[in-house]
Amino acid sequence: MARISRFTPWQTPREQLEKIFVAHQPILDDLLERALQIAEAESRVHTLIVGPHGAGKTHLLALLYYRLHDAIDSGTRIQIARLPEDPITITSYPRLLAALVTSIKADQKAGLDADNLEFTLDQMAQADGPIVVLIENLDEVFNQIGTDGQRKFRHYLQTSNSLLLISTTPVLGRSINDQASPFYCFFSVVSLPPLKDEQAQQMLINIARLQGNKELAHYLEGKQAVKRLKIISALAGSYPRIWSIFSEVMTPDSLQHIAIAELLYASFDDLAPYYRDRLMSLTPQQRLVISELAEANHPLHVQEIAERAQLPERSTARTAGELKEAHWIEPVETSWTHLLDGRRVYYELSEPLTRLAFQAKDVIDQPVKLVVSFLSAWFDPDAALRHTQRLAGIAGSQANDATLLGEADDALSGILSGNAELFMTLPSPVRIVLEQRCQEASQGAKYNLIALRRKLHRDAMGYLGMGVHEPQLSQWIARSENLAAITGEAEDLSIWSEWLACAGRLDQAETVLRLIDDGR
């Protein structure tokens, strides 16, 4: 059975890389065209591919490498220099040049005189064609060769046509993005976005077929599977590495029966060391900020982070800026930003699985699995109650499910009243799904919010049923009264009446029903 290397695509055979490649074909075609043009043209479009860890940068570079070799075999007059993915020995500008020389000709003796190395590269290019240089983690290379080495490298690239750089980096750090840096505005930047739902679906289908799992491939082609994949995407993000990891534990049964929580946790043991290593590269204060965002499981503004971590607000703001620049955290965008305090910027983790890895280590699986239950129901409304009953042992109780629905209803009620602060306190996956649901409907924003609230109430009734009393029912009665007061419509009056009936307050329920009759 084929096994995909999740962290080192260079170890995966080319045939397998080709079969599971999705989404980035136009980028690959463009990079190949840029590289092949240097055989005839004098101009050079140096390219920097930007995307977080697991976004598919190495996979893309590996396929480019193989296709360039195909071109060389067909007579194109170019050469390839590929630096190691982990550039730990490239500690100076001369060592960078020496690594390029030996990458092209392993037996070439390369001293550490920069002028001689530049001359050697020029001679190689004149003899056998210009050199396409593939560099991963360019930010690390630049940090190691220092500002002076960067200046010398840029000067060489501007005065010689021997090299074309095609590089990758997880972030646009200061060595590239700062106006004072030697390489500021030097590269044509290409960003790798997360996979869309249908792209993730196709990638998993390709992997299943590659592994000979026809049953899983057939299931993944169906609409039901798409709903399940949306749940994983909301909880874990949608970059290729995530889907590659989950492909190893996916089965038709695990997806059909909503064993998504177990599916996620089956992968954490592999991911935890990876995230721990990355976290250890941060400063202690940076780790504290990441930890607070992970524990909160919803966006926080700087003042909240500072209070929770017991840090000075000014230094917390500076740390948040550093983490944002390094793509650890990102500002939250929402349709209701205008209903938030404009002086605040809310942040959340850029990679959702960073949060889940923290939670897995802190034995906070109950809230995470509760979110899974909520999302499972919402992505398959017709089977909401059945799914909740199946997950009852995971999530704790149906009352807990109703609590989460109640928090969502309170948040939407706040938006209708002109305040989105409560909305920002919802678990991030739930917040994202609610906003997506609101945007999917074609009616106006207020109608969509009301429709969402109605569904939340109906689902909560299914979870709680008859005979459940204080304090849950009192809260839901108050919420339904609020909804009915906003709309005055018969449907919402009926919901209010049903909640009263659930609480055994039949006289009040009949009174509300008479309001419906009077309205007719």
Protein backbone atom coordinates (compact mmCIF):
# COMPACT_ATOMS: atom_id res chain seq x y z
CA MET A 1 0.00 0.00 0.00
CA ALA A 2 1.32 3.44 -0.90
CA ARG A 3 2.22 5.62 2.07
CA ILE A 4 2.45 9.36 1.59
CA SER A 5 5.27 11.12 3.45
CA ARG A 6 3.45 13.91 5.24
CA PHE A 7 6.45 15.98 6.30
CA THR A 8 9.02 15.21 3.57
CA PRO A 9 7.45 14.99 0.09
CA TRP A 10 10.91 14.45 -1.44
CA GLN A 11 10.75 10.93 0.04
CA THR A 12 7.51 10.16 -1.82
CA PRO A 13 7.91 8.75 -5.34
CA ARG A 14 7.11 11.17 -8.14
CA GLU A 15 4.25 9.06 -9.46
CA GLN A 16 2.47 9.28 -6.12
CA LEU A 17 3.08 13.02 -5.80
CA GLU A 18 1.55 13.55 -9.22
CA LYS A 19 -1.55 11.49 -8.40
CA ILE A 20 -2.41 13.33 -5.18
CA PHE A 21 -1.59 16.82 -6.48
CA VAL A 22 -4.62 19.13 -6.44
CA ALA A 23 -5.45 22.84 -6.49
CA HIS A 24 -2.08 24.33 -7.38
CA GLN A 25 -1.70 23.20 -11.00
CA PRO A 26 -1.95 26.79 -12.40
CA ILE A 27 0.82 27.88 -10.03
CA LEU A 28 3.00 24.94 -11.09
CA ASP A 29 2.44 25.74 -14.77
CA ASP A 30 3.38 29.38 -14.22
CA LEU A 31 6.54 28.49 -12.28
CA LEU A 32 7.59 26.03 -14.98
CA GLU A 33 7.07 28.66 -17.67
CA ARG A 34 9.16 31.20 -15.77
CA ALA A 35 11.95 28.67 -15.33
CA LEU A 36 12.01 27.54 -18.94
CA GLN A 37 12.06 31.10 -20.27
CA ILE A 38 15.52 31.75 -18.85
CA ALA A 39 17.01 29.41 -21.46
CA GLU A 40 16.30 32.10 -24.08
CA ALA A 41 15.42 35.37 -22.29
CA GLU A 42 17.66 37.74 -20.35
CA SER A 43 15.01 38.80 -17.81
CA ARG A 44 14.57 36.94 -14.52
CA VAL A 45 11.38 36.77 -12.45
CA HIS A 46 12.59 35.56 -9.07
CA THR A 47 9.68 33.94 -7.21
CA LEU A 48 8.86 33.43 -3.55
CA ILE A 49 6.13 30.92 -2.61
CA VAL A 50 4.52 31.77 0.74
CA GLY A 51 2.34 29.47 2.83
CA PRO A 52 2.25 28.09 6.38
CA HIS A 53 3.73 24.73 7.29
CA GLY A 54 1.76 21.98 5.57
CA ALA A 55 0.40 24.24 2.80
CA GLY A 56 2.01 22.17 0.03
CA LYS A 57 5.10 24.26 -0.74
CA THR A 58 7.55 21.35 -0.81
CA HIS A 59 5.13 19.20 -2.82
CA LEU A 60 4.88 21.99 -5.38
CA LEU A 61 8.65 22.46 -5.51
CA ALA A 62 9.26 18.72 -5.89
CA LEU A 63 6.94 18.49 -8.91
CA LEU A 64 8.61 21.54 -10.44
CA TYR A 65 11.99 19.87 -9.92
CA TYR A 66 10.85 16.72 -11.76
CA ARG A 67 9.32 18.65 -14.65
CA LEU A 68 12.45 20.74 -15.05
CA HIS A 69 14.43 17.52 -15.35
CA ASP A 70 11.98 16.38 -18.03
CA ALA A 71 12.70 19.60 -19.93
CA ILE A 72 16.45 19.12 -19.56
CA ASP A 73 16.13 15.55 -20.84
CA SER A 74 14.25 16.96 -23.84
CA GLY A 75 17.12 19.31 -24.67
CA THR A 76 16.28 22.54 -22.79
CA ARG A 77 19.51 24.27 -21.89
CA ILE A 78 19.10 24.94 -18.17
CA GLN A 79 20.49 23.50 -14.93
CA ILE A 80 18.99 22.87 -11.49
CA ALA A 81 20.48 23.60 -8.09
CA ARG A 82 18.41 22.39 -5.13
CA LEU A 83 19.42 23.27 -1.60
CA PRO A 84 18.52 20.96 1.32
CA GLU A 85 15.14 21.58 2.96
CA ASP A 86 16.85 22.19 6.30
CA PRO A 87 19.61 24.71 5.57
CA ILE A 88 21.48 24.26 8.86
CA THR A 89 24.97 24.46 7.30
CA ILE A 90 24.33 27.58 5.20
CA THR A 91 25.63 30.03 7.77
CA SER A 92 27.18 32.66 5.48
CA TYR A 93 26.96 34.06 1.97
CA PRO A 94 30.03 32.10 0.76
CA ARG A 95 28.56 28.87 2.16
CA LEU A 96 25.32 29.60 0.29
CA LEU A 97 27.24 29.95 -2.98
CA ALA A 98 29.31 26.86 -2.23
CA ALA A 99 26.11 24.84 -1.62
CA LEU A 100 24.82 25.94 -5.04
CA VAL A 101 28.03 24.88 -6.76
CA THR A 102 28.14 21.44 -5.16
CA SER A 103 24.41 20.93 -5.80
CA ILE A 104 25.10 21.20 -9.53
CA LYS A 105 28.36 19.26 -9.52
CA ALA A 106 28.88 17.17 -6.41
CA ASP A 107 32.56 16.59 -7.22
CA GLN A 108 33.28 20.31 -7.75
CA LYS A 109 35.67 21.65 -5.14
CA ALA A 110 34.25 24.83 -3.64
CA GLY A 111 36.25 27.05 -1.33
CA LEU A 112 34.70 29.90 0.64
CA ASP A 113 35.86 32.88 -1.38
CA ALA A 114 32.68 34.67 -2.50
CA ASP A 115 34.22 36.26 -5.60
CA ASN A 116 35.61 32.95 -6.83
CA LEU A 117 32.30 31.18 -6.16
CA GLU A 118 30.33 33.82 -8.07
CA PHE A 119 32.78 33.44 -10.96
CA THR A 120 32.40 29.64 -10.83
CA LEU A 121 28.60 29.89 -11.02
CA ASP A 122 28.84 32.29 -13.96
CA GLN A 123 31.18 29.90 -15.76
CA MET A 124 28.84 26.97 -15.12
CA ALA A 125 25.89 28.97 -16.51
CA GLN A 126 27.82 29.96 -19.62
CA ALA A 127 28.90 26.37 -20.24
CA ASP A 128 25.64 24.48 -19.62
CA GLY A 129 22.85 27.03 -19.35
CA PRO A 130 21.39 29.29 -16.65
CA ILE A 131 20.68 27.77 -13.25
CA VAL A 132 17.23 27.40 -11.65
CA VAL A 133 17.82 27.55 -7.89
CA LEU A 134 15.24 25.87 -5.63
CA ILE A 135 15.50 27.07 -2.03
CA GLU A 136 13.16 26.07 0.78
CA ASN A 137 12.81 28.07 3.99
CA LEU A 138 14.39 31.14 2.45
CA ASP A 139 13.64 33.14 5.60
CA GLU A 140 15.97 30.85 7.57
CA VAL A 141 18.69 31.12 4.91
CA PHE A 142 18.51 34.92 4.95
CA ASN A 143 18.58 35.04 8.75
CA GLN A 144 21.69 32.84 8.77
CA ILE A 145 23.68 34.74 6.14
CA GLY A 146 22.82 38.08 7.79
CA THR A 147 22.10 41.49 6.32
CA ASP A 148 25.55 41.86 4.79
CA GLY A 149 25.26 38.46 3.08
CA GLN A 150 21.81 39.41 1.78
CA ARG A 151 23.17 42.64 0.26
CA LYS A 152 25.94 40.74 -1.51
CA PHE A 153 23.51 38.09 -2.78
CA ARG A 154 21.08 40.66 -4.15
CA HIS A 155 23.92 42.55 -5.85
CA TYR A 156 25.07 39.33 -7.49
CA LEU A 157 21.56 38.49 -8.71
CA GLN A 158 21.15 41.98 -10.16
CA THR A 159 24.48 41.99 -11.96
CA SER A 160 24.44 38.40 -13.25
CA ASN A 161 21.87 36.41 -15.22
CA SER A 162 23.27 33.08 -14.11
CA LEU A 163 20.61 32.30 -11.49
CA LEU A 164 16.82 32.23 -11.22
CA LEU A 165 15.50 31.81 -7.68
CA ILE A 166 12.31 29.91 -6.94
CA SER A 167 12.03 29.81 -3.18
CA THR A 168 9.60 29.08 -0.38
CA THR A 169 8.97 30.52 3.06
CA PRO A 170 6.26 30.00 5.67
CA VAL A 171 6.10 33.73 6.41
CA LEU A 172 7.13 37.05 4.90
CA GLY A 173 9.54 37.91 7.70
CA ARG A 174 11.50 41.09 8.20
CA SER A 175 14.38 39.83 6.07
CA ILE A 176 12.00 40.01 3.09
CA ASN A 177 9.13 42.31 4.02
CA ASP A 178 10.89 45.13 5.87
CA GLN A 179 11.48 48.24 3.76
CA ALA A 180 15.06 48.40 5.01
CA SER A 181 15.87 44.81 4.03
CA PRO A 182 18.03 44.16 0.95
CA PHE A 183 15.34 41.96 -0.66
CA TYR A 184 12.39 44.27 -0.08
CA CYS A 185 10.10 44.19 -3.16
CA PHE A 186 12.57 41.90 -4.94
CA PHE A 187 10.42 38.78 -5.39
CA SER A 188 7.26 37.98 -7.26
CA VAL A 189 5.25 36.57 -4.35
CA VAL A 190 2.87 33.62 -4.77
CA SER A 191 0.64 32.68 -1.81
CA LEU A 192 -0.72 29.17 -1.27
CA PRO A 193 -4.27 29.35 0.16
CA PRO A 194 -6.01 26.52 2.05
CA LEU A 195 -7.75 23.92 -0.05
CA LYS A 196 -11.38 24.50 -0.93
CA ASP A 197 -13.82 21.80 0.14
CA GLU A 198 -14.00 20.21 -3.29
CA GLN A 199 -10.19 20.28 -3.61
CA ALA A 200 -9.75 18.54 -0.24
CA GLN A 201 -12.35 16.01 -1.33
CA GLN A 202 -10.46 15.30 -4.57
CA MET A 203 -7.15 14.96 -2.76
CA LEU A 204 -8.61 12.34 -0.41
CA ILE A 205 -10.21 10.50 -3.31
CA ASN A 206 -6.85 10.43 -5.09
CA ILE A 207 -5.10 9.09 -1.98
CA ALA A 208 -7.77 6.41 -1.46
CA ARG A 209 -7.42 5.28 -5.07
CA LEU A 210 -3.65 5.29 -4.81
CA GLN A 211 -3.89 3.03 -1.76
CA GLY A 212 -6.35 0.73 -3.50
CA ASN A 213 -9.19 1.58 -1.11
CA LYS A 214 -12.06 1.57 -3.61
CA GLU A 215 -14.75 1.58 -0.91
CA LEU A 216 -13.44 4.77 0.68
CA ALA A 217 -12.89 6.44 -2.70
CA HIS A 218 -16.48 5.67 -3.69
CA TYR A 219 -17.84 7.06 -0.43
CA LEU A 220 -15.73 10.21 -0.67
CA GLU A 221 -17.26 10.97 -4.07
CA GLY A 222 -20.70 11.41 -2.49
CA LYS A 223 -22.40 14.50 -1.10
CA GLN A 224 -22.61 13.01 2.38
CA ALA A 225 -18.82 12.85 2.59
CA VAL A 226 -18.53 16.54 1.72
CA LYS A 227 -20.62 17.42 4.77
CA ARG A 228 -18.32 15.36 6.97
CA LEU A 229 -15.18 16.90 5.48
CA LYS A 230 -16.56 20.36 6.22
CA ILE A 231 -16.58 19.44 9.91
CA ILE A 232 -12.91 18.48 9.85
CA SER A 233 -12.05 21.62 7.89
CA ALA A 234 -13.81 23.84 10.44
CA LEU A 235 -11.95 22.19 13.32
CA ALA A 236 -8.53 21.56 11.85
CA GLY A 237 -8.02 23.83 8.86
CA SER A 238 -7.72 22.77 5.26
CA TYR A 239 -4.10 22.60 4.21
CA PRO A 240 -2.83 19.51 2.31
CA ARG A 241 -0.77 18.11 5.19
CA ILE A 242 -3.83 17.97 7.43
CA TRP A 243 -5.75 15.95 4.85
CA SER A 244 -2.76 13.70 4.24
CA ILE A 245 -2.59 12.90 7.95
CA PHE A 246 -6.32 12.25 8.25
CA SER A 247 -6.31 10.05 5.14
CA GLU A 248 -4.41 7.43 7.14
CA VAL A 249 -7.22 6.97 9.65
CA MET A 250 -10.29 7.66 7.49
CA THR A 251 -12.69 4.87 6.68
CA PRO A 252 -16.22 5.04 5.25
CA ASP A 253 -17.53 3.93 8.64
CA SER A 254 -15.71 6.67 10.55
CA LEU A 255 -17.17 9.34 8.28
CA GLN A 256 -20.67 7.88 7.94
CA HIS A 257 -21.11 7.47 11.67
CA ILE A 258 -19.72 10.86 12.64
CA ALA A 259 -16.70 9.45 14.46
CA ILE A 260 -14.99 12.72 13.59
CA ALA A 261 -13.77 13.40 17.12
CA GLU A 262 -12.01 10.03 17.27
CA LEU A 263 -10.65 10.68 13.78
CA LEU A 264 -9.10 13.94 14.95
CA TYR A 265 -7.65 12.49 18.12
CA ALA A 266 -6.19 9.50 16.28
CA SER A 267 -3.90 11.98 14.51
CA PHE A 268 -2.81 14.11 17.45
CA ASP A 269 0.00 11.84 18.60
CA ASP A 270 1.71 12.42 15.25
CA LEU A 271 1.09 16.15 15.26
CA ALA A 272 1.93 16.97 18.88
CA PRO A 273 5.75 16.64 18.56
CA TYR A 274 5.66 18.74 15.38
CA TYR A 275 3.79 21.57 17.08
CA ARG A 276 5.85 21.30 20.27
CA ASP A 277 9.06 21.72 18.27
CA ARG A 278 7.64 24.79 16.54
CA LEU A 279 6.44 26.29 19.82
CA MET A 280 9.85 25.86 21.41
CA SER A 281 11.33 28.15 18.77
CA LEU A 282 9.27 31.03 20.20
CA THR A 283 10.14 33.31 23.11
CA PRO A 284 8.51 32.52 26.48
CA GLN A 285 6.12 35.48 26.15
CA GLN A 286 5.17 34.47 22.62
CA ARG A 287 4.35 30.98 23.89
CA LEU A 288 2.19 32.47 26.64
CA VAL A 289 0.16 34.43 24.10
CA ILE A 290 -0.28 31.34 21.92
CA SER A 291 -1.27 29.33 24.98
CA GLU A 292 -3.99 31.80 25.99
CA LEU A 293 -5.48 31.81 22.50
CA ALA A 294 -5.39 28.01 22.43
CA GLU A 295 -7.09 27.74 25.81
CA ALA A 296 -9.74 30.32 24.96
CA ASN A 297 -10.72 28.53 21.75
CA HIS A 298 -12.16 31.81 20.48
CA PRO A 299 -10.74 35.17 19.36
CA LEU A 300 -9.22 37.50 21.95
CA HIS A 301 -8.15 41.14 21.74
CA VAL A 302 -4.86 42.34 23.17
CA GLN A 303 -6.32 43.59 26.45
CA GLU A 304 -7.96 40.20 27.09
CA ILE A 305 -4.74 38.34 26.27
CA ALA A 306 -2.75 40.58 28.61
CA GLU A 307 -5.22 40.11 31.45
CA ARG A 308 -5.41 36.35 31.04
CA ALA A 309 -1.62 35.95 30.80
CA GLN A 310 -0.93 38.60 33.47
CA LEU A 311 1.35 40.51 31.11
CA PRO A 312 1.77 44.25 30.48
CA GLU A 313 -0.64 45.33 27.75
CA ARG A 314 1.98 47.27 25.78
CA SER A 315 4.41 44.35 25.56
CA THR A 316 1.52 42.00 24.77
CA ALA A 317 0.57 44.22 21.83
CA ARG A 318 4.17 44.10 20.60
CA THR A 319 4.27 40.30 20.98
CA ALA A 320 0.96 39.96 19.12
CA GLY A 321 2.45 42.00 16.28
CA GLU A 322 5.47 39.69 16.12
CA LEU A 323 3.27 36.57 16.07
CA LYS A 324 1.06 38.08 13.39
CA GLU A 325 4.10 38.82 11.24
CA ALA A 326 5.26 35.23 11.72
CA HIS A 327 1.76 33.92 10.75
CA TRP A 328 1.16 32.27 14.14
CA ILE A 329 -1.92 34.41 14.72
CA GLU A 330 -4.16 36.46 12.45
CA PRO A 331 -6.76 39.20 12.84
CA VAL A 332 -10.30 37.87 12.75
CA GLU A 333 -12.51 39.01 9.91
CA THR A 334 -16.27 38.85 10.33
CA SER A 335 -19.32 40.21 8.57
CA TRP A 336 -20.18 42.05 11.77
CA THR A 337 -16.92 43.86 12.46
CA HIS A 338 -18.86 47.14 12.40
CA LEU A 339 -20.72 45.93 15.50
CA LEU A 340 -17.48 45.54 17.49
CA ASP A 341 -15.39 48.10 19.33
CA GLY A 342 -13.37 49.66 16.50
CA ARG A 343 -10.40 50.25 18.80
CA ARG A 344 -9.85 46.52 19.25
CA VAL A 345 -8.32 43.92 16.98
CA TYR A 346 -9.36 40.34 17.70
CA TYR A 347 -6.78 37.61 17.09
CA GLU A 348 -6.99 33.84 16.73
CA LEU A 349 -4.51 31.11 15.83
CA SER A 350 -3.69 30.89 12.14
CA GLU A 351 -3.55 27.09 12.24
CA PRO A 352 -6.54 25.63 14.11
CA LEU A 353 -4.69 22.41 14.88
CA THR A 354 -2.24 24.35 17.02
CA ARG A 355 -5.19 24.96 19.33
CA LEU A 356 -6.37 21.36 19.20
CA ALA A 357 -2.89 20.06 19.97
CA PHE A 358 -2.82 22.20 23.12
CA GLN A 359 -6.23 20.92 24.11
CA ALA A 360 -5.34 17.31 23.48
CA LYS A 361 -2.43 17.60 25.88
CA ASP A 362 -4.54 19.31 28.55
CA VAL A 363 -7.34 16.71 28.51
CA ILE A 364 -9.94 19.16 27.27
CA ASP A 365 -11.44 16.71 24.84
CA GLN A 366 -14.99 17.19 26.12
CA PRO A 367 -15.42 20.76 24.75
CA VAL A 368 -13.76 19.83 21.46
CA LYS A 369 -16.01 16.81 21.02
CA LEU A 370 -19.02 18.91 21.97
CA VAL A 371 -18.16 21.25 19.09
CA VAL A 372 -17.93 18.19 16.83
CA SER A 373 -21.42 17.20 17.91
CA PHE A 374 -22.76 20.67 17.17
CA LEU A 375 -21.17 20.80 13.74
CA SER A 376 -22.24 17.26 12.88
CA ALA A 377 -25.84 18.16 13.51
CA TRP A 378 -25.68 21.38 11.56
CA PHE A 379 -24.08 19.87 8.50
CA ASP A 380 -26.75 17.17 8.44
CA PRO A 381 -29.92 18.73 9.89
CA ASP A 382 -32.19 15.77 9.10
CA ALA A 383 -30.12 13.50 11.33
CA ALA A 384 -29.36 16.00 14.09
CA LEU A 385 -31.02 14.14 16.95
CA ARG A 386 -29.61 10.74 15.92
CA HIS A 387 -26.09 12.14 15.77
CA THR A 388 -26.44 13.85 19.12
CA GLN A 389 -27.65 10.64 20.73
CA ARG A 390 -24.67 8.79 19.28
CA LEU A 391 -22.31 11.44 20.61
CA ALA A 392 -24.06 11.73 23.99
CA GLY A 393 -21.36 9.67 25.63
CA ILE A 394 -18.71 11.90 24.07
CA ALA A 395 -20.22 15.30 24.60
CA GLY A 396 -21.51 14.59 28.08
CA SER A 397 -25.28 15.07 27.65
CA GLN A 398 -27.93 16.46 25.37
CA ALA A 399 -28.30 19.32 27.83
CA ASN A 400 -24.70 20.28 27.10
CA ASP A 401 -25.47 20.33 23.39
CA ALA A 402 -28.40 22.64 24.10
CA THR A 403 -26.10 24.88 26.16
CA LEU A 404 -23.86 25.41 23.15
CA LEU A 405 -26.89 26.09 20.99
CA GLY A 406 -28.08 28.58 23.59
CA GLU A 407 -24.76 30.42 23.54
CA ALA A 408 -25.02 30.60 19.76
CA ASP A 409 -28.57 31.97 19.98
CA ASP A 410 -27.50 34.60 22.52
CA ALA A 411 -24.70 35.65 20.15
CA LEU A 412 -27.06 36.01 17.19
CA SER A 413 -29.53 37.89 19.37
CA GLY A 414 -26.73 40.30 20.25
CA ILE A 415 -26.00 40.89 16.56
CA LEU A 416 -29.65 41.67 15.90
CA SER A 417 -29.43 44.20 18.76
CA GLY A 418 -26.32 45.82 17.27
CA ASN A 419 -23.59 44.18 19.37
CA ALA A 420 -21.33 41.35 18.12
CA GLU A 421 -19.17 40.99 21.25
CA LEU A 422 -20.88 37.75 22.36
CA PHE A 423 -20.47 36.35 18.86
CA MET A 424 -16.69 36.62 19.24
CA THR A 425 -16.79 34.47 22.39
CA LEU A 426 -18.19 31.43 20.56
CA PRO A 427 -15.79 28.54 19.80
CA SER A 428 -14.10 29.49 16.55
CA PRO A 429 -15.42 26.54 14.48
CA VAL A 430 -18.99 27.28 15.62
CA ARG A 431 -18.58 30.98 14.86
CA ILE A 432 -17.29 30.18 11.37
CA VAL A 433 -20.14 27.78 10.62
CA LEU A 434 -22.80 30.23 11.84
CA GLU A 435 -21.38 32.96 9.66
CA GLN A 436 -21.19 30.64 6.65
CA ARG A 437 -24.80 29.61 7.18
CA CYS A 438 -25.88 33.24 7.32
CA GLN A 439 -24.05 34.02 4.08
CA GLU A 440 -25.45 30.97 2.24
CA ALA A 441 -29.06 32.19 2.38
CA SER A 442 -30.20 34.59 -0.30
CA GLN A 443 -32.46 36.78 1.85
CA GLY A 444 -31.31 39.86 3.75
CA ALA A 445 -28.94 39.74 6.72
CA LYS A 446 -31.69 40.22 9.34
CA TYR A 447 -33.86 37.48 7.82
CA ASN A 448 -30.88 35.11 7.73
CA LEU A 449 -30.08 35.74 11.39
CA ILE A 450 -33.69 35.15 12.39
CA ALA A 451 -33.81 31.94 10.34
CA LEU A 452 -30.64 30.75 12.07
CA ARG A 453 -32.15 31.50 15.49
CA ARG A 454 -35.27 29.53 14.60
CA LYS A 455 -33.18 26.52 13.67
CA LEU A 456 -31.20 26.77 16.89
CA HIS A 457 -34.43 26.71 18.87
CA ARG A 458 -35.80 23.73 16.96
CA ASP A 459 -32.57 21.79 17.43
CA ALA A 460 -32.47 22.65 21.14
CA MET A 461 -36.02 21.35 21.54
CA GLY A 462 -34.95 18.10 19.95
CA TYR A 463 -32.03 17.82 22.35
CA LEU A 464 -33.89 18.72 25.54
CA GLY A 465 -37.31 17.22 24.84
CA MET A 466 -40.12 17.20 27.36
CA GLY A 467 -39.62 17.09 31.11
CA VAL A 468 -36.40 19.08 31.39
CA HIS A 469 -36.84 22.00 33.77
CA GLU A 470 -34.81 24.78 35.32
CA PRO A 471 -32.48 26.45 34.57
CA GLN A 472 -32.20 25.44 30.91
CA LEU A 473 -35.84 25.86 30.02
CA SER A 474 -36.15 29.27 31.65
CA GLN A 475 -33.25 30.49 29.54
CA TRP A 476 -34.80 29.13 26.36
CA ILE A 477 -38.18 30.63 27.20
CA ALA A 478 -36.53 34.03 27.61
CA ARG A 479 -34.70 33.62 24.32
CA SER A 480 -37.86 32.60 22.46
CA GLU A 481 -39.74 35.55 23.94
CA ASN A 482 -36.96 37.83 22.69
CA LEU A 483 -37.19 36.29 19.20
CA ALA A 484 -40.96 36.67 19.10
CA ALA A 485 -40.69 40.30 20.23
CA ILE A 486 -38.26 41.06 17.40
CA THR A 487 -40.39 39.55 14.63
CA GLY A 488 -43.96 39.28 15.93
CA GLU A 489 -44.41 36.45 13.45
CA ALA A 490 -46.58 33.40 14.07
CA GLU A 491 -43.67 30.97 13.68
CA ASP A 492 -41.72 32.63 16.47
CA LEU A 493 -44.77 32.96 18.71
CA SER A 494 -45.28 29.24 18.18
CA ILE A 495 -41.69 28.52 19.25
CA TRP A 496 -42.22 30.61 22.38
CA SER A 497 -45.42 28.68 23.12
CA GLU A 498 -43.70 25.33 22.66
CA TRP A 499 -40.95 26.25 25.12
CA LEU A 500 -43.55 27.26 27.66
CA ALA A 501 -45.28 23.93 27.14
CA CYS A 502 -41.99 22.08 27.62
CA ALA A 503 -41.72 23.77 31.01
CA GLY A 504 -45.25 22.72 31.93
CA ARG A 505 -46.51 26.31 31.84
CA LEU A 506 -49.52 25.37 29.74
CA ASP A 507 -51.71 28.37 30.60
CA GLN A 508 -49.02 30.76 29.39
CA ALA A 509 -48.48 28.63 26.30
CA GLU A 510 -52.18 28.88 25.44
CA THR A 511 -52.07 32.65 25.95
CA VAL A 512 -49.26 32.94 23.41
CA LEU A 513 -51.15 30.73 20.96
CA ARG A 514 -54.14 33.09 21.24
CA LEU A 515 -51.82 35.90 20.13
CA ILE A 516 -51.27 33.92 16.95
CA ASP A 517 -55.02 33.52 16.42
CA ASP A 518 -55.61 37.22 17.12
CA GLY A 519 -52.95 38.12 14.56
CA ARG A 520 -54.79 36.17 11.91
